[in-house]
Amino acid sequence: MKCPYCNNEIKKIPLTKNMRIVFDFIKDYIDANNGTSPSYENIMDGTIFKSKSNVARYILSLESRGWIKKEMYKKRTLTLL
């Protein structure tokens, strides 16, 4: 897989248990809702996490590990890589 910004090869780093929970929820939500990605509130309600800051931290971790992409300053723009 290639980075959309610099065209370098991206290697996916394995996920922790909690990252896998968030990633699987995002994947299932997108599949069930015609490609619409979940909001942080949707992720919070559908997982074990009780705060948006935890969700935001896991989203950032998933993005840095090469599993998802999120557009800055836009809502519901999570894309699975």
Protein backbone atom coordinates (compact mmCIF):
# COMPACT_ATOMS: atom_id res chain seq x y z
CA MET A 1 0.00 0.00 0.00
CA LYS A 2 1.27 3.49 -0.89
CA CYS A 3 1.04 6.67 1.18
CA PRO A 4 -1.35 9.11 -0.57
CA TYR A 5 0.86 12.06 0.38
CA CYS A 6 4.41 10.98 -0.37
CA ASN A 7 3.85 7.79 -2.43
CA ASN A 8 6.14 5.77 -0.14
CA GLU A 9 5.28 2.21 0.85
CA ILE A 10 3.28 1.95 4.11
CA LYS A 11 3.72 -1.03 6.40
CA LYS A 12 0.88 -1.74 8.78
CA ILE A 13 2.01 -2.10 12.39
CA PRO A 14 0.07 -4.72 14.41
CA LEU A 15 -2.76 -3.48 16.61
CA THR A 16 -3.25 -3.74 20.34
CA LYS A 17 -6.44 -5.32 21.72
CA ASN A 18 -8.17 -1.95 22.22
CA MET A 19 -7.09 -0.64 18.82
CA ARG A 20 -8.54 -3.80 17.27
CA ILE A 21 -11.86 -3.14 19.06
CA VAL A 22 -12.03 0.39 17.60
CA PHE A 23 -10.90 -0.71 14.12
CA ASP A 24 -13.42 -3.57 13.97
CA PHE A 25 -16.22 -1.25 15.09
CA ILE A 26 -15.31 1.31 12.40
CA LYS A 27 -15.17 -1.41 9.75
CA ASP A 28 -18.52 -2.90 10.75
CA TYR A 29 -20.15 0.55 10.99
CA ILE A 30 -18.97 1.56 7.52
CA ASP A 31 -20.21 -1.75 6.08
CA ALA A 32 -23.62 -1.40 7.75
CA ASN A 33 -24.15 2.27 6.87
CA ASN A 34 -23.43 2.43 3.13
CA GLY A 35 -19.89 3.75 3.49
CA THR A 36 -20.60 6.44 6.08
CA SER A 37 -17.94 6.48 8.77
CA PRO A 38 -18.90 6.73 12.45
CA SER A 39 -18.59 9.83 14.61
CA TYR A 40 -16.55 9.71 17.81
CA GLU A 41 -19.85 9.49 19.71
CA ASN A 42 -20.90 6.45 17.65
CA ILE A 43 -17.58 4.76 18.38
CA MET A 44 -17.87 5.62 22.07
CA ASP A 45 -21.42 4.21 22.26
CA GLY A 46 -20.52 1.05 20.33
CA THR A 47 -17.36 0.13 22.23
CA ILE A 48 -16.07 -0.12 25.79
CA PHE A 49 -14.71 3.44 25.83
CA LYS A 50 -16.47 6.11 27.88
CA SER A 51 -14.84 9.32 26.65
CA LYS A 52 -14.21 11.03 23.32
CA SER A 53 -10.59 11.63 24.27
CA ASN A 54 -9.98 7.87 24.46
CA VAL A 55 -11.63 7.40 21.08
CA ALA A 56 -9.59 10.25 19.60
CA ARG A 57 -6.39 8.73 20.96
CA TYR A 58 -7.14 5.36 19.38
CA ILE A 59 -8.10 6.98 16.06
CA LEU A 60 -4.77 8.81 16.05
CA SER A 61 -2.93 5.57 16.87
CA LEU A 62 -4.72 3.69 14.08
CA GLU A 63 -3.83 6.44 11.64
CA SER A 64 -0.18 6.52 12.66
CA ARG A 65 0.05 2.74 12.31
CA GLY A 66 -1.32 2.83 8.77
CA TRP A 67 -4.75 1.22 9.31
CA ILE A 68 -7.01 4.22 8.67
CA LYS A 69 -6.89 7.71 7.17
CA LYS A 70 -8.74 10.76 8.49
CA GLU A 71 -9.08 14.14 6.84
CA MET A 72 -8.15 17.04 9.10
CA TYR A 73 -10.94 19.35 10.31
CA LYS A 74 -13.73 17.30 8.71
CA LYS A 75 -16.32 15.10 10.35
CA ARG A 76 -16.94 11.44 9.49
CA THR A 77 -13.98 11.11 7.16
CA LEU A 78 -12.45 7.87 8.42
CA THR A 79 -11.25 5.66 5.58
CA LEU A 80 -9.94 2.13 5.99
CA LEU A 81 -6.61 1.46 4.30
